[in-house]
Amino acid sequence: MIGLIGKKSGMSHIFTGDGEFVPVTVLDAGPCIVVEKREQETGAGHTKDGYSAVILGFGERKKPTKPYAGMFKKLNLKPPELIREIKNWDKDMKTGDIVTVDIFEIGSKVSVTGYSKGKGFTGVIKGYGFKGGPGSHGSSFHRRAGSIGSSATPSRVWKGHKMPGRMGTKKVTVKNLEIMKVEKEKNLLFVKGQVPGPKNGIVIIKQGKNVIARSKATKQS
């Protein structure tokens, strides 16, 4: 598994060598700094992490808190804007190394994780597509959810009942996105299709055999 932290710059399009029009999402990926490594077994006198992973830092925080700044001062690193952990890291890295978009290749498949756009507080018609009641005068049931109760059995509201509430801002992962173009000088990654989240939203780009294998198994099922 390898990966990067980035931001969604927006949508665009490119033309392939065959003249095919391909919609792409432009990702401002990296550069990321290796903050820490986690290993299943560390050296003598150290505890076991129990799993292998790499913690990456992205950007630079302008006004870090004292505890946050002190943590990176011990590592002789500038406080990053945010940190994320990527498990089962394949490449041999050490603390302080820089990871850029050159770890990805054109034509390879990646999975991108982000948070969907927030739609605010919505009712059941916008949130779930409920039909609603009559729109004519005299009706007191226009865009309401309707009755949520039940009969004597089970005499309660079922768990998970669709109700008004917040819509969006959920963690979404899109798998098997093909890399169409890589611009190493500008740290840009062009992936085919759509990516969750608003413009300038934080995304995690991962590439690994297990990611592709799981997505194929899901499609077959």
Protein backbone atom coordinates (compact mmCIF):
# COMPACT_ATOMS: atom_id res chain seq x y z
CA MET A 1 0.00 0.00 0.00
CA ILE A 2 1.19 3.49 -0.86
CA GLY A 3 -0.65 6.78 -0.67
CA LEU A 4 -0.71 10.56 -0.39
CA ILE A 5 -2.72 13.31 1.24
CA GLY A 6 -4.05 15.97 -1.09
CA LYS A 7 -6.76 18.45 -1.93
CA LYS A 8 -9.43 18.37 -4.60
CA SER A 9 -8.68 21.22 -7.02
CA GLY A 10 -11.70 20.73 -9.27
CA MET A 11 -12.94 19.03 -12.44
CA SER A 12 -11.44 19.23 -15.91
CA HIS A 13 -11.03 17.08 -19.01
CA ILE A 14 -8.26 15.71 -21.19
CA PHE A 15 -8.03 14.03 -24.60
CA THR A 16 -6.31 10.70 -24.99
CA GLY A 17 -4.07 9.74 -27.88
CA ASP A 18 -7.10 8.25 -29.64
CA GLY A 19 -8.97 11.54 -29.34
CA GLU A 20 -11.28 10.27 -26.57
CA PHE A 21 -12.77 12.94 -24.30
CA VAL A 22 -12.17 11.94 -20.67
CA PRO A 23 -13.56 13.88 -17.66
CA VAL A 24 -11.00 14.00 -14.85
CA THR A 25 -10.65 15.30 -11.32
CA VAL A 26 -7.52 17.33 -10.58
CA LEU A 27 -5.93 16.52 -7.23
CA ASP A 28 -3.24 18.65 -5.60
CA ALA A 29 -1.44 15.65 -4.11
CA GLY A 30 1.45 16.13 -1.71
CA PRO A 31 4.23 16.59 -1.13
CA CYS A 32 3.87 14.77 2.20
CA ILE A 33 6.46 14.27 4.90
CA VAL A 34 6.90 11.04 6.83
CA VAL A 35 6.16 11.96 10.45
CA GLU A 36 6.40 8.52 12.03
CA LYS A 37 6.60 4.82 11.24
CA ARG A 38 4.71 2.10 13.05
CA GLU A 39 6.04 -1.43 13.01
CA GLN A 40 4.83 -4.76 14.27
CA GLU A 41 8.03 -5.24 16.24
CA THR A 42 10.38 -2.43 17.22
CA GLY A 43 13.88 -2.56 18.63
CA ALA A 44 14.91 -3.67 22.11
CA GLY A 45 13.44 -1.58 24.89
CA HIS A 46 10.53 -0.38 22.76
CA THR A 47 6.93 -1.49 22.72
CA LYS A 48 5.29 -3.30 19.83
CA ASP A 49 2.93 -1.28 17.67
CA GLY A 50 1.23 -4.43 16.48
CA TYR A 51 0.86 -3.28 12.88
CA SER A 52 2.87 -1.61 10.12
CA ALA A 53 1.95 1.87 8.95
CA VAL A 54 3.32 5.26 7.97
CA ILE A 55 1.99 8.57 9.33
CA LEU A 56 2.14 11.31 6.70
CA GLY A 57 1.96 15.07 7.22
CA PHE A 58 0.49 17.45 4.64
CA GLY A 59 0.89 21.22 4.36
CA GLU A 60 2.07 23.52 7.15
CA ARG A 61 0.03 24.78 10.08
CA LYS A 62 0.48 28.53 10.51
CA LYS A 63 -0.59 28.83 14.15
CA PRO A 64 -0.09 25.47 15.85
CA THR A 65 -0.90 24.93 19.50
CA LYS A 66 2.03 24.54 21.89
CA PRO A 67 1.53 20.79 22.43
CA TYR A 68 1.21 20.21 18.67
CA ALA A 69 4.29 22.32 17.89
CA GLY A 70 6.29 20.69 20.68
CA MET A 71 5.57 17.22 19.33
CA PHE A 72 7.16 18.06 15.97
CA LYS A 73 9.98 20.09 17.53
CA LYS A 74 11.36 16.86 18.96
CA LEU A 75 11.38 15.43 15.43
CA ASN A 76 12.96 18.60 13.95
CA LEU A 77 9.96 18.98 11.63
CA LYS A 78 7.62 21.86 10.88
CA PRO A 79 4.07 21.27 12.19
CA PRO A 80 2.00 19.99 9.23
CA GLU A 81 -1.53 21.13 8.55
CA LEU A 82 -2.87 17.64 9.17
CA ILE A 83 -1.60 14.11 9.61
CA ARG A 84 -3.04 10.83 8.39
CA GLU A 85 -2.05 7.19 8.79
CA ILE A 86 -1.70 4.73 5.90
CA LYS A 87 -1.38 1.10 6.91
CA ASN A 88 0.73 -1.62 5.27
CA TRP A 89 3.12 0.83 3.62
CA ASP A 90 5.21 -0.97 1.01
CA LYS A 91 8.11 1.38 0.34
CA ASP A 92 11.09 1.67 2.67
CA MET A 93 10.77 5.13 4.26
CA LYS A 94 12.13 6.84 7.35
CA THR A 95 11.09 9.86 9.40
CA GLY A 96 11.66 13.10 7.51
CA ASP A 97 11.44 11.62 4.00
CA ILE A 98 9.32 13.43 1.41
CA VAL A 99 6.68 11.55 -0.58
CA THR A 100 5.54 13.07 -3.89
CA VAL A 101 3.25 12.15 -6.78
CA ASP A 102 6.04 10.27 -8.54
CA ILE A 103 5.05 7.18 -6.52
CA PHE A 104 2.05 6.86 -8.88
CA GLU A 105 2.14 5.79 -12.51
CA ILE A 106 -0.14 6.61 -15.42
CA GLY A 107 -2.69 3.86 -16.01
CA SER A 108 -2.63 2.49 -12.46
CA LYS A 109 -5.76 2.35 -10.29
CA VAL A 110 -6.22 4.22 -7.00
CA SER A 111 -8.90 4.67 -4.37
CA VAL A 112 -9.77 8.18 -3.18
CA THR A 113 -11.39 8.87 0.20
CA GLY A 114 -13.01 12.18 1.09
CA TYR A 115 -16.03 13.71 2.79
CA SER A 116 -19.10 14.42 0.68
CA LYS A 117 -20.54 17.92 0.39
CA GLY A 118 -22.68 19.03 3.32
CA LYS A 119 -26.29 19.87 2.44
CA GLY A 120 -27.34 21.09 5.86
CA PHE A 121 -30.47 20.06 7.77
CA THR A 122 -33.02 18.55 5.37
CA GLY A 123 -36.43 16.97 5.56
CA VAL A 124 -37.39 13.50 4.38
CA ILE A 125 -38.44 14.65 0.90
CA LYS A 126 -35.05 16.11 0.00
CA GLY A 127 -33.07 13.66 2.08
CA TYR A 128 -34.75 10.38 1.10
CA GLY A 129 -37.12 11.21 -1.75
CA PHE A 130 -40.38 10.80 0.17
CA LYS A 131 -43.53 11.61 -1.81
CA GLY A 132 -45.19 13.83 0.78
CA GLY A 133 -48.89 14.69 1.01
CA PRO A 134 -51.38 16.66 -1.11
CA GLY A 135 -50.31 20.12 -2.17
CA SER A 136 -53.80 21.62 -2.26
CA HIS A 137 -55.37 23.92 0.34
CA GLY A 138 -56.84 22.38 3.43
CA SER A 139 -54.23 19.67 3.73
CA SER A 140 -52.03 19.73 6.82
CA PHE A 141 -49.71 17.10 5.39
CA HIS A 142 -47.51 18.63 2.68
CA ARG A 143 -43.84 17.80 3.23
CA ARG A 144 -44.05 15.99 6.52
CA ALA A 145 -42.59 12.60 7.31
CA GLY A 146 -45.88 11.10 8.42
CA SER A 147 -46.52 8.69 11.23
CA ILE A 148 -43.48 7.00 12.74
CA GLY A 149 -45.31 4.87 15.26
CA SER A 150 -46.49 1.29 14.97
CA SER A 151 -49.25 -0.90 16.37
CA ALA A 152 -49.19 -2.78 19.65
CA THR A 153 -46.45 -4.92 18.15
CA PRO A 154 -43.67 -3.89 18.58
CA SER A 155 -44.96 -0.69 20.27
CA ARG A 156 -41.85 1.30 19.45
CA VAL A 157 -40.14 3.16 16.62
CA TRP A 158 -37.86 0.93 14.57
CA LYS A 159 -34.15 1.65 14.82
CA GLY A 160 -32.79 3.40 11.72
CA HIS A 161 -36.12 4.97 10.78
CA LYS A 162 -35.72 7.66 8.11
CA MET A 163 -36.18 11.03 9.74
CA PRO A 164 -35.22 14.67 9.09
CA GLY A 165 -31.57 15.39 9.82
CA ARG A 166 -28.21 16.41 8.47
CA MET A 167 -27.46 15.44 4.88
CA GLY A 168 -24.00 14.88 3.43
CA THR A 169 -20.61 15.31 5.14
CA LYS A 170 -20.09 11.55 5.15
CA LYS A 171 -16.89 9.64 4.56
CA VAL A 172 -16.98 8.27 1.01
CA THR A 173 -14.41 6.10 -0.80
CA VAL A 174 -14.39 5.74 -4.59
CA LYS A 175 -12.29 2.80 -5.82
CA ASN A 176 -10.66 1.84 -9.12
CA LEU A 177 -10.09 5.38 -10.39
CA GLU A 178 -7.61 5.34 -13.25
CA ILE A 179 -4.69 7.79 -13.23
CA MET A 180 -4.74 9.61 -16.56
CA LYS A 181 -1.93 12.12 -16.04
CA VAL A 182 0.79 12.98 -13.51
CA GLU A 183 2.49 16.40 -13.32
CA LYS A 184 5.44 15.97 -10.97
CA GLU A 185 6.56 19.61 -11.18
CA LYS A 186 3.18 20.95 -9.99
CA ASN A 187 2.29 17.97 -7.73
CA LEU A 188 -0.91 17.37 -9.68
CA LEU A 189 -2.71 14.09 -10.20
CA PHE A 190 -5.43 13.65 -12.83
CA VAL A 191 -7.82 10.75 -12.12
CA LYS A 192 -10.65 9.60 -14.35
CA GLY A 193 -14.12 10.30 -12.99
CA GLN A 194 -15.47 12.01 -9.92
CA VAL A 195 -14.03 12.33 -6.43
CA PRO A 196 -16.11 12.95 -3.28
CA GLY A 197 -15.99 16.30 -1.52
CA PRO A 198 -16.09 20.01 -2.35
CA LYS A 199 -13.37 22.07 -3.98
CA ASN A 200 -10.26 22.27 -1.74
CA GLY A 201 -11.59 19.34 0.28
CA ILE A 202 -9.01 17.01 1.83
CA VAL A 203 -8.69 13.59 0.17
CA ILE A 204 -6.59 10.48 0.79
CA ILE A 205 -5.24 8.75 -2.33
CA LYS A 206 -4.24 5.11 -1.91
CA GLN A 207 -2.88 2.47 -4.21
CA GLY A 208 -2.45 -1.18 -3.34
CA LYS A 209 -3.27 -4.71 -4.45
CA ASN A 210 -5.69 -5.28 -1.59
CA VAL A 211 -7.69 -2.15 -2.47
CA ILE A 212 -8.25 -3.29 -6.04
CA ALA A 213 -8.96 -6.87 -5.00
CA ARG A 214 -11.66 -5.85 -2.54
CA SER A 215 -13.36 -3.58 -5.07
CA LYS A 216 -13.46 -6.38 -7.68
CA ALA A 217 -14.92 -8.81 -5.14
CA THR A 218 -17.62 -6.28 -4.30
CA LYS A 219 -18.62 -5.88 -7.95
CA GLN A 220 -18.83 -9.67 -8.48
CA SER A 221 -21.06 -10.09 -5.46
